Protein backbone atom coordinates (compact mmCIF):
# COMPACT_ATOMS: atom_id res chain seq x y z
CA UNK A 1 -0.25 -0.06 -0.21
CA UNK A 2 1.17 3.51 -0.87
CA UNK A 3 0.14 5.01 2.17
CA UNK A 4 1.94 2.70 4.70
CA UNK A 5 5.11 3.13 2.32
CA UNK A 6 5.16 6.78 2.56
CA UNK A 7 4.34 6.99 6.44
CA UNK A 8 7.16 4.43 6.74
CA UNK A 9 9.56 6.37 4.86
CA UNK A 10 8.27 9.65 6.62
CA UNK A 11 9.35 7.88 9.98
CA UNK A 12 12.65 6.53 8.51
CA UNK A 13 13.59 10.18 7.29
CA UNK A 14 12.50 11.55 10.31
CA UNK A 15 14.71 9.43 12.33
CA UNK A 16 17.55 10.40 10.37
CA UNK A 17 17.64 7.48 7.92
CA UNK A 18 17.19 9.08 4.57
CA UNK A 19 18.85 6.63 2.59
CA UNK A 20 16.37 3.84 3.94
CA UNK A 21 13.63 6.05 3.43
CA UNK A 22 14.25 6.53 -0.34
CA UNK A 23 14.95 2.78 -0.33
CA UNK A 24 11.30 1.94 1.06
CA UNK A 25 9.65 4.46 -1.78
CA UNK A 26 11.54 2.88 -4.32
CA UNK A 27 10.79 -0.75 -3.54
CA UNK A 28 7.18 0.21 -3.62
CA UNK A 29 7.50 2.14 -6.93
CA UNK A 30 9.24 -0.81 -8.24
CA UNK A 31 6.11 -3.18 -7.10
CA UNK A 32 3.77 -0.56 -8.83
CA UNK A 33 5.72 -1.09 -11.89
CA UNK A 34 5.85 -4.75 -11.94
CA UNK A 35 2.16 -4.83 -11.20
CA UNK A 36 1.18 -2.50 -14.33
CA UNK A 37 3.66 -4.75 -16.31
CA UNK A 38 1.97 -7.99 -15.55
CA UNK A 39 -0.77 -7.66 -13.41
CA UNK A 40 -1.24 -10.68 -10.77
CA UNK A 41 -4.23 -9.50 -9.39
CA UNK A 42 -7.90 -10.64 -10.52
CA UNK A 43 -8.95 -6.76 -10.64
CA UNK A 44 -5.66 -4.66 -10.54
CA UNK A 45 -5.77 -1.36 -9.87
CA UNK A 46 -6.71 1.44 -12.23
CA UNK A 47 -4.56 3.76 -14.25
CA UNK A 48 -6.02 6.64 -12.17
CA UNK A 49 -5.11 4.65 -8.87
CA UNK A 50 -1.41 3.95 -9.69
CA UNK A 51 -1.07 7.56 -10.66
CA UNK A 52 -2.32 8.81 -7.47
CA UNK A 53 0.22 6.27 -5.75
CA UNK A 54 2.96 7.72 -7.81
CA UNK A 55 1.69 11.27 -6.87
CA UNK A 56 2.10 10.13 -3.02
CA UNK A 57 5.72 8.97 -3.43
CA UNK A 58 6.36 12.07 -5.12
CA UNK A 59 5.13 14.36 -2.58
CA UNK A 60 7.17 12.19 0.02
CA UNK A 61 10.20 13.47 -1.77
CA UNK A 62 9.18 17.15 -2.05
CA UNK A 63 8.38 17.02 1.39
CA UNK A 64 11.97 15.82 2.12
CA UNK A 65 13.42 18.68 -0.41
CA UNK A 66 14.54 15.75 -2.51
CA UNK A 67 13.07 17.78 -5.77
CA UNK A 68 15.30 15.77 -8.36
CA UNK A 69 13.85 12.31 -6.92
CA UNK A 70 10.48 13.68 -6.96
CA UNK A 71 10.76 13.99 -10.87
CA UNK A 72 10.73 10.06 -11.34
CA UNK A 73 7.40 9.45 -9.51
CA UNK A 74 5.77 12.56 -11.04
CA UNK A 75 6.58 11.18 -14.43
CA UNK A 76 5.50 7.73 -13.88
CA UNK A 77 2.10 9.50 -12.58
CA UNK A 78 2.05 11.56 -15.80
CA UNK A 79 2.56 8.74 -17.93
CA UNK A 80 -0.19 6.73 -16.43
CA UNK A 81 -2.50 9.80 -16.47
CA UNK A 82 -1.25 12.40 -18.86
CA UNK A 83 -4.09 15.22 -17.85
CA UNK A 84 -3.35 15.02 -14.06
CA UNK A 85 -3.31 18.73 -13.07
CA UNK A 86 -2.31 17.67 -9.37
CA UNK A 87 0.96 16.01 -10.66
CA UNK A 88 1.73 18.68 -13.22
CA UNK A 89 1.60 20.91 -10.21
CA UNK A 90 3.65 19.34 -8.34
CA UNK A 91 6.51 18.75 -10.90
CA UNK A 92 6.02 22.44 -11.52
CA UNK A 93 7.15 23.10 -7.79
CA UNK A 94 9.99 20.55 -8.23
CA UNK A 95 11.46 22.04 -11.51
CA UNK A 96 11.16 25.73 -10.08
CA UNK A 97 13.11 24.45 -7.01
CA UNK A 98 15.74 22.85 -9.28
CA UNK A 99 15.96 25.93 -11.36
CA UNK A 100 14.01 25.17 -14.51
CA UNK A 101 11.71 28.25 -14.91
CA UNK A 102 10.75 27.34 -18.48
CA UNK A 103 9.89 23.85 -17.31
CA UNK A 104 7.87 24.84 -14.57
CA UNK A 105 6.18 27.75 -16.49
CA UNK A 106 5.11 24.86 -18.99
CA UNK A 107 3.66 22.71 -16.53
CA UNK A 108 1.65 25.45 -14.80
CA UNK A 109 0.31 26.39 -18.01
CA UNK A 110 -0.73 22.73 -18.63
CA UNK A 111 -2.13 22.41 -15.27
CA UNK A 112 -4.05 25.64 -15.58
CA UNK A 113 -5.45 24.67 -18.96
CA UNK A 114 -6.64 21.26 -17.45
CA UNK A 115 -8.16 22.70 -14.06
CA UNK A 116 -9.36 26.42 -15.01
CA UNK A 117 -10.04 28.31 -12.13
CA UNK A 118 -8.42 26.04 -9.23
CA UNK A 119 -6.92 28.43 -7.09
CA UNK A 120 -4.02 25.86 -6.35
CA UNK A 121 -2.89 26.37 -10.10
């Protein structure tokens, strides 16, 4: 479960064990990628649910100021759900923090087009 992985990663990070925190998130990301490639469940999770899980992983990295690491799960989320305004917004933040103002602007404009009037965008 992504929620459990994120909670564990947050606890590990708070305990001064950031490498283990990242490993926890990456293991869970790998499990989701494997499930997507070769579903083992009778009712595999939808693309929307998997995209939401990857957004949760990215938010862990953003909260840990690991902006570069957040780009992987955000890319996964957007690959699964290209019209995902929340993921575009979070990626814009990460890109801005990494100094990529043009990339951040492009993501903000795309998010605004998908969710016009959303105050977060």
